[in-house]
N, C-alpha and C. Protein backbone atom coordinates (compact mmCIF):
# COMPACT_ATOMS: atom_id res chain seq x y z
N UNK A 1 -31.69 38.80 -44.13
CA UNK A 1 -32.35 37.53 -44.40
C UNK A 1 -31.75 36.45 -43.51
N UNK A 2 -32.61 35.59 -42.98
CA UNK A 2 -32.18 34.48 -42.12
C UNK A 2 -32.58 33.16 -42.78
N UNK A 3 -31.61 32.27 -42.92
CA UNK A 3 -31.82 30.97 -43.56
C UNK A 3 -31.39 29.87 -42.60
N UNK A 4 -32.22 28.85 -42.48
CA UNK A 4 -31.84 27.67 -41.70
C UNK A 4 -31.50 26.54 -42.66
N UNK A 5 -30.42 25.85 -42.35
CA UNK A 5 -30.00 24.68 -43.13
C UNK A 5 -30.24 23.47 -42.25
N UNK A 6 -31.11 22.59 -42.71
CA UNK A 6 -31.48 21.40 -41.94
C UNK A 6 -30.97 20.17 -42.67
N UNK A 7 -30.23 19.34 -41.96
CA UNK A 7 -29.65 18.11 -42.51
C UNK A 7 -30.18 16.90 -41.76
N UNK A 8 -30.50 15.87 -42.52
CA UNK A 8 -31.07 14.67 -41.97
C UNK A 8 -30.07 13.58 -41.66
N UNK A 9 -30.55 12.33 -41.66
CA UNK A 9 -29.77 11.20 -41.17
C UNK A 9 -28.49 10.94 -41.97
N UNK A 10 -27.49 10.58 -41.22
CA UNK A 10 -26.17 10.16 -41.72
C UNK A 10 -25.32 11.30 -42.27
N UNK A 11 -25.86 12.49 -42.36
CA UNK A 11 -25.06 13.60 -42.86
C UNK A 11 -24.02 14.02 -41.83
N UNK A 12 -24.22 13.69 -40.57
CA UNK A 12 -23.20 13.93 -39.55
C UNK A 12 -21.98 13.03 -39.75
N UNK A 13 -22.10 12.05 -40.63
CA UNK A 13 -21.00 11.11 -40.88
C UNK A 13 -20.27 11.40 -42.19
N UNK A 14 -20.55 12.57 -42.77
CA UNK A 14 -19.80 12.94 -43.97
C UNK A 14 -18.32 12.97 -43.64
N UNK A 15 -17.52 12.56 -44.58
CA UNK A 15 -16.08 12.42 -44.35
C UNK A 15 -15.72 10.98 -44.03
N UNK A 16 -16.72 10.22 -43.59
CA UNK A 16 -16.53 8.79 -43.30
C UNK A 16 -17.33 7.94 -44.27
N UNK A 17 -18.29 8.54 -44.95
CA UNK A 17 -19.16 7.83 -45.88
C UNK A 17 -18.48 7.71 -47.24
N UNK A 18 -19.13 7.06 -48.16
CA UNK A 18 -18.63 6.84 -49.50
C UNK A 18 -18.26 8.17 -50.15
N UNK A 19 -16.97 8.42 -50.26
CA UNK A 19 -16.49 9.70 -50.80
C UNK A 19 -16.89 9.89 -52.26
N UNK A 20 -17.02 8.81 -53.00
CA UNK A 20 -17.42 8.92 -54.41
C UNK A 20 -18.81 9.52 -54.53
N UNK A 21 -19.71 9.14 -53.65
CA UNK A 21 -21.09 9.65 -53.69
C UNK A 21 -21.22 10.97 -52.95
N UNK A 22 -20.50 11.12 -51.84
CA UNK A 22 -20.77 12.24 -50.93
C UNK A 22 -19.62 13.22 -50.76
N UNK A 23 -18.48 12.95 -51.37
CA UNK A 23 -17.32 13.81 -51.20
C UNK A 23 -16.58 13.49 -49.92
N UNK A 24 -15.51 14.21 -49.68
CA UNK A 24 -14.67 13.91 -48.52
C UNK A 24 -14.81 14.95 -47.40
N UNK A 25 -15.56 16.02 -47.65
CA UNK A 25 -15.71 17.04 -46.61
C UNK A 25 -16.63 16.56 -45.50
N UNK A 26 -16.36 17.03 -44.29
CA UNK A 26 -17.25 16.75 -43.16
C UNK A 26 -18.40 17.77 -43.19
N UNK A 27 -19.43 17.49 -42.43
CA UNK A 27 -20.55 18.43 -42.34
C UNK A 27 -20.09 19.75 -41.74
N UNK A 28 -19.19 19.71 -40.77
CA UNK A 28 -18.66 20.96 -40.20
C UNK A 28 -17.93 21.78 -41.26
N UNK A 29 -17.17 21.13 -42.12
CA UNK A 29 -16.47 21.84 -43.19
C UNK A 29 -17.45 22.45 -44.19
N UNK A 30 -18.48 21.71 -44.51
CA UNK A 30 -19.51 22.23 -45.41
C UNK A 30 -20.22 23.42 -44.77
N UNK A 31 -20.56 23.29 -43.50
CA UNK A 31 -21.23 24.39 -42.79
C UNK A 31 -20.34 25.64 -42.74
N UNK A 32 -19.05 25.45 -42.59
CA UNK A 32 -18.11 26.58 -42.59
C UNK A 32 -18.11 27.27 -43.95
N UNK A 33 -18.13 26.50 -45.02
CA UNK A 33 -18.17 27.09 -46.37
C UNK A 33 -19.48 27.84 -46.58
N UNK A 34 -20.58 27.28 -46.10
CA UNK A 34 -21.87 27.97 -46.20
C UNK A 34 -21.84 29.28 -45.41
N UNK A 35 -21.27 29.23 -44.21
CA UNK A 35 -21.18 30.43 -43.38
C UNK A 35 -20.36 31.53 -44.05
N UNK A 36 -19.27 31.14 -44.70
CA UNK A 36 -18.44 32.13 -45.41
C UNK A 36 -19.21 32.76 -46.55
N UNK A 37 -19.91 31.94 -47.33
CA UNK A 37 -20.70 32.48 -48.44
C UNK A 37 -21.82 33.38 -47.90
N UNK A 38 -22.47 32.95 -46.84
CA UNK A 38 -23.56 33.73 -46.26
C UNK A 38 -23.07 35.10 -45.80
N UNK A 39 -21.91 35.13 -45.16
CA UNK A 39 -21.35 36.40 -44.70
C UNK A 39 -21.06 37.32 -45.87
N UNK A 40 -20.58 36.76 -46.98
CA UNK A 40 -20.29 37.56 -48.18
C UNK A 40 -21.53 38.22 -48.76
N UNK A 41 -22.65 37.51 -48.67
CA UNK A 41 -23.87 38.03 -49.30
C UNK A 41 -24.85 38.62 -48.27
N UNK A 42 -24.39 38.74 -47.01
CA UNK A 42 -25.20 39.39 -45.99
C UNK A 42 -26.39 38.59 -45.49
N UNK A 43 -26.22 37.29 -45.41
CA UNK A 43 -27.29 36.40 -44.96
C UNK A 43 -26.87 35.75 -43.64
N UNK A 44 -27.80 35.68 -42.72
CA UNK A 44 -27.56 34.98 -41.44
C UNK A 44 -28.00 33.53 -41.61
N UNK A 45 -27.13 32.59 -41.25
CA UNK A 45 -27.47 31.17 -41.38
C UNK A 45 -27.37 30.47 -40.03
N UNK A 46 -28.22 29.48 -39.87
CA UNK A 46 -28.20 28.59 -38.71
C UNK A 46 -28.23 27.17 -39.23
N UNK A 47 -27.74 26.25 -38.42
CA UNK A 47 -27.62 24.86 -38.85
C UNK A 47 -28.28 23.93 -37.84
N UNK A 48 -28.89 22.86 -38.38
CA UNK A 48 -29.49 21.83 -37.54
C UNK A 48 -29.29 20.50 -38.25
N UNK A 49 -28.92 19.47 -37.49
CA UNK A 49 -28.78 18.13 -38.04
C UNK A 49 -29.34 17.14 -37.04
N UNK A 50 -30.06 16.16 -37.54
CA UNK A 50 -30.55 15.08 -36.69
C UNK A 50 -30.71 13.82 -37.53
N UNK A 51 -30.53 12.70 -36.86
CA UNK A 51 -30.80 11.40 -37.47
C UNK A 51 -32.23 10.96 -37.21
N UNK A 52 -32.99 11.74 -36.45
CA UNK A 52 -34.33 11.36 -36.00
C UNK A 52 -35.40 12.14 -36.76
N UNK A 53 -36.30 11.43 -37.36
CA UNK A 53 -37.36 12.04 -38.17
C UNK A 53 -38.17 13.06 -37.38
N UNK A 54 -38.58 12.71 -36.18
CA UNK A 54 -39.39 13.63 -35.37
C UNK A 54 -38.66 14.92 -35.03
N UNK A 55 -37.36 14.83 -34.79
CA UNK A 55 -36.58 16.04 -34.50
C UNK A 55 -36.49 16.92 -35.74
N UNK A 56 -36.40 16.31 -36.90
CA UNK A 56 -36.38 17.09 -38.15
C UNK A 56 -37.72 17.79 -38.36
N UNK A 57 -38.80 17.07 -38.12
CA UNK A 57 -40.14 17.67 -38.23
C UNK A 57 -40.26 18.85 -37.28
N UNK A 58 -39.83 18.68 -36.04
CA UNK A 58 -39.89 19.78 -35.08
C UNK A 58 -39.05 20.97 -35.50
N UNK A 59 -37.85 20.72 -36.03
CA UNK A 59 -36.99 21.81 -36.50
C UNK A 59 -37.65 22.57 -37.64
N UNK A 60 -38.29 21.85 -38.55
CA UNK A 60 -38.98 22.50 -39.67
C UNK A 60 -40.13 23.35 -39.14
N UNK A 61 -40.92 22.79 -38.25
CA UNK A 61 -42.04 23.54 -37.66
C UNK A 61 -41.56 24.76 -36.89
N UNK A 62 -40.51 24.58 -36.10
CA UNK A 62 -40.00 25.67 -35.25
C UNK A 62 -39.35 26.79 -36.05
N UNK A 63 -39.05 26.55 -37.31
CA UNK A 63 -38.45 27.59 -38.16
C UNK A 63 -39.48 28.65 -38.56
N UNK A 64 -40.74 28.30 -38.48
CA UNK A 64 -41.83 29.21 -38.88
C UNK A 64 -41.74 30.52 -38.09
N UNK A 65 -41.72 31.62 -38.79
CA UNK A 65 -41.70 32.92 -38.16
C UNK A 65 -40.34 33.36 -37.65
N UNK A 66 -39.35 32.48 -37.71
CA UNK A 66 -38.00 32.80 -37.24
C UNK A 66 -37.06 33.02 -38.42
N UNK A 67 -37.24 32.22 -39.46
CA UNK A 67 -36.37 32.26 -40.63
C UNK A 67 -37.17 32.69 -41.86
N UNK A 68 -36.46 33.17 -42.85
CA UNK A 68 -37.07 33.60 -44.10
C UNK A 68 -37.06 32.51 -45.16
N UNK A 69 -36.17 31.54 -45.01
CA UNK A 69 -36.05 30.47 -45.99
C UNK A 69 -35.33 29.28 -45.35
N UNK A 70 -35.44 28.13 -46.02
CA UNK A 70 -34.86 26.89 -45.52
C UNK A 70 -34.17 26.14 -46.65
N UNK A 71 -33.03 25.56 -46.32
CA UNK A 71 -32.35 24.61 -47.20
C UNK A 71 -32.42 23.27 -46.48
N UNK A 72 -32.97 22.28 -47.15
CA UNK A 72 -33.27 21.00 -46.50
C UNK A 72 -32.64 19.85 -47.25
N UNK A 73 -31.75 19.12 -46.56
CA UNK A 73 -31.25 17.85 -47.06
C UNK A 73 -31.81 16.80 -46.11
N UNK A 74 -32.91 16.22 -46.49
CA UNK A 74 -33.58 15.25 -45.62
C UNK A 74 -32.96 13.86 -45.70
N UNK A 75 -31.86 13.72 -46.45
CA UNK A 75 -31.20 12.42 -46.55
C UNK A 75 -32.19 11.38 -47.06
N UNK A 76 -32.10 10.19 -46.53
CA UNK A 76 -32.97 9.09 -46.97
C UNK A 76 -34.45 9.37 -46.71
N UNK A 77 -34.75 10.24 -45.74
CA UNK A 77 -36.15 10.59 -45.50
C UNK A 77 -36.79 11.28 -46.70
N UNK A 78 -35.99 11.83 -47.57
CA UNK A 78 -36.47 12.47 -48.79
C UNK A 78 -37.43 11.56 -49.54
N UNK A 79 -37.15 10.28 -49.52
CA UNK A 79 -37.83 9.33 -50.39
C UNK A 79 -39.09 8.71 -49.79
N UNK A 80 -39.34 8.95 -48.48
CA UNK A 80 -40.51 8.29 -47.90
C UNK A 80 -41.10 8.98 -46.67
N UNK A 81 -40.59 10.10 -46.24
CA UNK A 81 -41.12 10.72 -45.02
C UNK A 81 -42.25 11.68 -45.33
N UNK A 82 -43.46 11.19 -45.18
CA UNK A 82 -44.62 12.06 -45.35
C UNK A 82 -44.76 13.00 -44.16
N UNK A 83 -44.17 12.65 -43.03
CA UNK A 83 -44.18 13.56 -41.88
C UNK A 83 -43.36 14.81 -42.17
N UNK A 84 -42.20 14.64 -42.78
CA UNK A 84 -41.39 15.80 -43.17
C UNK A 84 -42.10 16.57 -44.28
N UNK A 85 -42.66 15.86 -45.24
CA UNK A 85 -43.42 16.53 -46.31
C UNK A 85 -44.56 17.35 -45.73
N UNK A 86 -45.27 16.82 -44.77
CA UNK A 86 -46.38 17.55 -44.16
C UNK A 86 -45.91 18.78 -43.38
N UNK A 87 -44.69 18.74 -42.86
CA UNK A 87 -44.17 19.86 -42.07
C UNK A 87 -43.74 21.04 -42.94
N UNK A 88 -43.34 20.78 -44.16
CA UNK A 88 -42.80 21.85 -45.02
C UNK A 88 -43.79 23.00 -45.21
N UNK A 89 -45.05 22.74 -45.57
CA UNK A 89 -45.97 23.87 -45.73
C UNK A 89 -46.24 24.61 -44.41
N UNK A 90 -46.14 23.92 -43.30
CA UNK A 90 -46.33 24.55 -42.00
C UNK A 90 -45.27 25.62 -41.76
N UNK A 91 -44.06 25.38 -42.26
CA UNK A 91 -42.97 26.34 -42.07
C UNK A 91 -43.28 27.68 -42.74
N UNK A 92 -44.07 27.65 -43.80
CA UNK A 92 -44.53 28.86 -44.47
C UNK A 92 -43.38 29.73 -44.97
N UNK A 93 -42.46 29.11 -45.68
CA UNK A 93 -41.32 29.82 -46.25
C UNK A 93 -40.81 29.02 -47.45
N UNK A 94 -40.03 29.66 -48.32
CA UNK A 94 -39.44 28.89 -49.41
C UNK A 94 -38.42 27.89 -48.90
N UNK A 95 -38.51 26.68 -49.41
CA UNK A 95 -37.61 25.59 -49.03
C UNK A 95 -36.95 25.07 -50.30
N UNK A 96 -35.62 24.92 -50.25
CA UNK A 96 -34.87 24.32 -51.35
C UNK A 96 -34.37 22.97 -50.88
N UNK A 97 -34.70 21.93 -51.63
CA UNK A 97 -34.23 20.58 -51.35
C UNK A 97 -32.82 20.43 -51.92
N UNK A 98 -31.92 19.88 -51.11
CA UNK A 98 -30.52 19.75 -51.51
C UNK A 98 -30.04 18.31 -51.29
N UNK A 99 -29.20 17.86 -52.20
CA UNK A 99 -28.50 16.58 -52.05
C UNK A 99 -27.09 16.73 -52.60
N UNK A 100 -26.15 16.09 -51.95
CA UNK A 100 -24.76 16.13 -52.40
C UNK A 100 -24.59 15.36 -53.72
N UNK A 101 -25.19 14.18 -53.78
CA UNK A 101 -25.08 13.35 -54.98
C UNK A 101 -26.27 13.62 -55.89
N UNK A 102 -26.14 13.17 -57.13
CA UNK A 102 -27.26 13.26 -58.06
C UNK A 102 -28.18 12.08 -57.77
N UNK A 103 -29.23 12.33 -57.02
CA UNK A 103 -30.11 11.24 -56.60
C UNK A 103 -30.79 10.56 -57.78
N UNK A 104 -30.88 11.24 -58.91
CA UNK A 104 -31.54 10.67 -60.09
C UNK A 104 -30.62 9.75 -60.89
N UNK A 105 -29.35 9.72 -60.53
CA UNK A 105 -28.38 8.86 -61.22
C UNK A 105 -27.96 7.69 -60.35
N UNK A 106 -28.69 7.48 -59.27
CA UNK A 106 -28.32 6.41 -58.33
C UNK A 106 -29.39 5.33 -58.32
N UNK A 107 -29.57 4.65 -57.21
CA UNK A 107 -30.56 3.58 -57.11
C UNK A 107 -31.95 4.12 -57.46
N UNK A 108 -32.78 3.26 -58.02
CA UNK A 108 -34.10 3.67 -58.50
C UNK A 108 -34.96 4.29 -57.40
N UNK A 109 -34.86 3.79 -56.17
CA UNK A 109 -35.71 4.33 -55.10
C UNK A 109 -35.39 5.78 -54.80
N UNK A 110 -34.18 6.23 -55.15
CA UNK A 110 -33.79 7.62 -54.88
C UNK A 110 -34.40 8.60 -55.89
N UNK A 111 -34.97 8.10 -56.97
CA UNK A 111 -35.61 8.97 -57.95
C UNK A 111 -36.84 9.68 -57.39
N UNK A 112 -37.47 9.06 -56.41
CA UNK A 112 -38.70 9.62 -55.84
C UNK A 112 -38.35 10.50 -54.65
N UNK A 113 -38.82 11.74 -54.72
CA UNK A 113 -38.71 12.65 -53.58
C UNK A 113 -40.12 13.06 -53.20
N UNK A 114 -40.54 12.68 -52.00
CA UNK A 114 -41.88 13.07 -51.55
C UNK A 114 -41.91 14.53 -51.08
N UNK A 115 -40.73 15.14 -50.93
CA UNK A 115 -40.69 16.53 -50.49
C UNK A 115 -40.54 17.51 -51.66
N UNK A 116 -40.07 17.06 -52.81
CA UNK A 116 -39.82 17.95 -53.95
C UNK A 116 -41.04 18.78 -54.34
N UNK A 117 -42.25 18.21 -54.39
CA UNK A 117 -43.39 19.02 -54.80
C UNK A 117 -43.71 20.17 -53.83
N UNK A 118 -43.16 20.13 -52.64
CA UNK A 118 -43.43 21.14 -51.62
C UNK A 118 -42.32 22.18 -51.54
N UNK A 119 -41.27 21.99 -52.31
CA UNK A 119 -40.12 22.88 -52.30
C UNK A 119 -40.14 23.78 -53.53
N UNK A 120 -39.46 24.92 -53.43
CA UNK A 120 -39.39 25.83 -54.58
C UNK A 120 -38.39 25.31 -55.61
N UNK A 121 -37.52 24.40 -55.22
CA UNK A 121 -36.56 23.83 -56.14
C UNK A 121 -35.76 22.72 -55.50
N UNK A 122 -35.04 21.99 -56.35
CA UNK A 122 -34.19 20.89 -55.91
C UNK A 122 -32.82 21.04 -56.57
N UNK A 123 -31.78 20.95 -55.76
CA UNK A 123 -30.41 21.03 -56.27
C UNK A 123 -29.69 19.77 -55.82
N UNK A 124 -29.13 19.04 -56.77
CA UNK A 124 -28.44 17.81 -56.42
C UNK A 124 -27.30 17.56 -57.39
N UNK A 125 -26.29 16.83 -56.89
CA UNK A 125 -25.23 16.38 -57.75
C UNK A 125 -23.99 17.25 -57.79
N UNK A 126 -23.96 18.33 -57.05
CA UNK A 126 -22.81 19.22 -57.07
C UNK A 126 -21.98 19.14 -55.81
N UNK A 127 -22.11 18.03 -55.08
CA UNK A 127 -21.35 17.86 -53.86
C UNK A 127 -21.67 18.96 -52.86
N UNK A 128 -20.66 19.36 -52.11
CA UNK A 128 -20.86 20.40 -51.09
C UNK A 128 -21.32 21.72 -51.72
N UNK A 129 -20.96 21.95 -52.97
CA UNK A 129 -21.41 23.17 -53.65
C UNK A 129 -22.92 23.22 -53.83
N UNK A 130 -23.60 22.09 -53.71
CA UNK A 130 -25.07 22.10 -53.79
C UNK A 130 -25.66 23.07 -52.76
N UNK A 131 -25.06 23.12 -51.58
CA UNK A 131 -25.56 24.01 -50.53
C UNK A 131 -25.32 25.48 -50.89
N UNK A 132 -24.17 25.77 -51.46
CA UNK A 132 -23.85 27.16 -51.84
C UNK A 132 -24.79 27.61 -52.95
N UNK A 133 -25.01 26.74 -53.92
CA UNK A 133 -25.94 27.04 -55.02
C UNK A 133 -27.34 27.27 -54.45
N UNK A 134 -27.74 26.43 -53.51
CA UNK A 134 -29.06 26.57 -52.88
C UNK A 134 -29.18 27.88 -52.12
N UNK A 135 -28.13 28.25 -51.41
CA UNK A 135 -28.16 29.51 -50.66
C UNK A 135 -28.34 30.69 -51.62
N UNK A 136 -27.55 30.73 -52.67
CA UNK A 136 -27.69 31.80 -53.66
C UNK A 136 -29.08 31.78 -54.29
N UNK A 137 -29.57 30.60 -54.59
CA UNK A 137 -30.89 30.48 -55.24
C UNK A 137 -32.01 30.97 -54.34
N UNK A 138 -31.97 30.60 -53.07
CA UNK A 138 -33.07 30.99 -52.18
C UNK A 138 -33.04 32.49 -51.89
N UNK A 139 -31.85 33.07 -51.87
CA UNK A 139 -31.74 34.53 -51.71
C UNK A 139 -32.36 35.22 -52.92
N UNK A 140 -32.00 34.76 -54.11
CA UNK A 140 -32.58 35.35 -55.33
C UNK A 140 -34.08 35.12 -55.40
N UNK A 141 -34.52 33.95 -54.97
CA UNK A 141 -35.96 33.65 -54.97
C UNK A 141 -36.70 34.63 -54.07
N UNK A 142 -36.15 34.91 -52.91
CA UNK A 142 -36.80 35.84 -51.97
C UNK A 142 -36.76 37.27 -52.47
N UNK A 143 -35.80 37.59 -53.34
CA UNK A 143 -35.67 38.96 -53.85
C UNK A 143 -36.66 39.27 -54.97
N UNK A 144 -37.29 38.23 -55.54
CA UNK A 144 -38.15 38.50 -56.71
C UNK A 144 -39.45 39.17 -56.35
């Protein structure tokens, strides 16, 4: 199984951002933890991060036919990017939406996810472990 993990804006600045909301790990450290878990369960993972909406849309589209599943942390684009929402069905694979913080316990605008209805599930609030939970979940989802 091949899974792509796509991260949106400002996630490249983890470790410098508000540690209370996002934890203290860098994106590289999180990706290393994901890679270790993936190796344990026999999954191949690839990573992509961009601060640019169009690059995220292209990465989602380009995943079609290459990967079996996607883990997507669209960052702030989660709440208003209809371009990213439109790209998800094009990918034609199960997508799990991930957030480090519990977006439903923060500012009111974060309660709305325009991508959630297009994903097989949403995992938020478990810090860096959200990605590990998502990886396990998408593997189990594909096994059903």
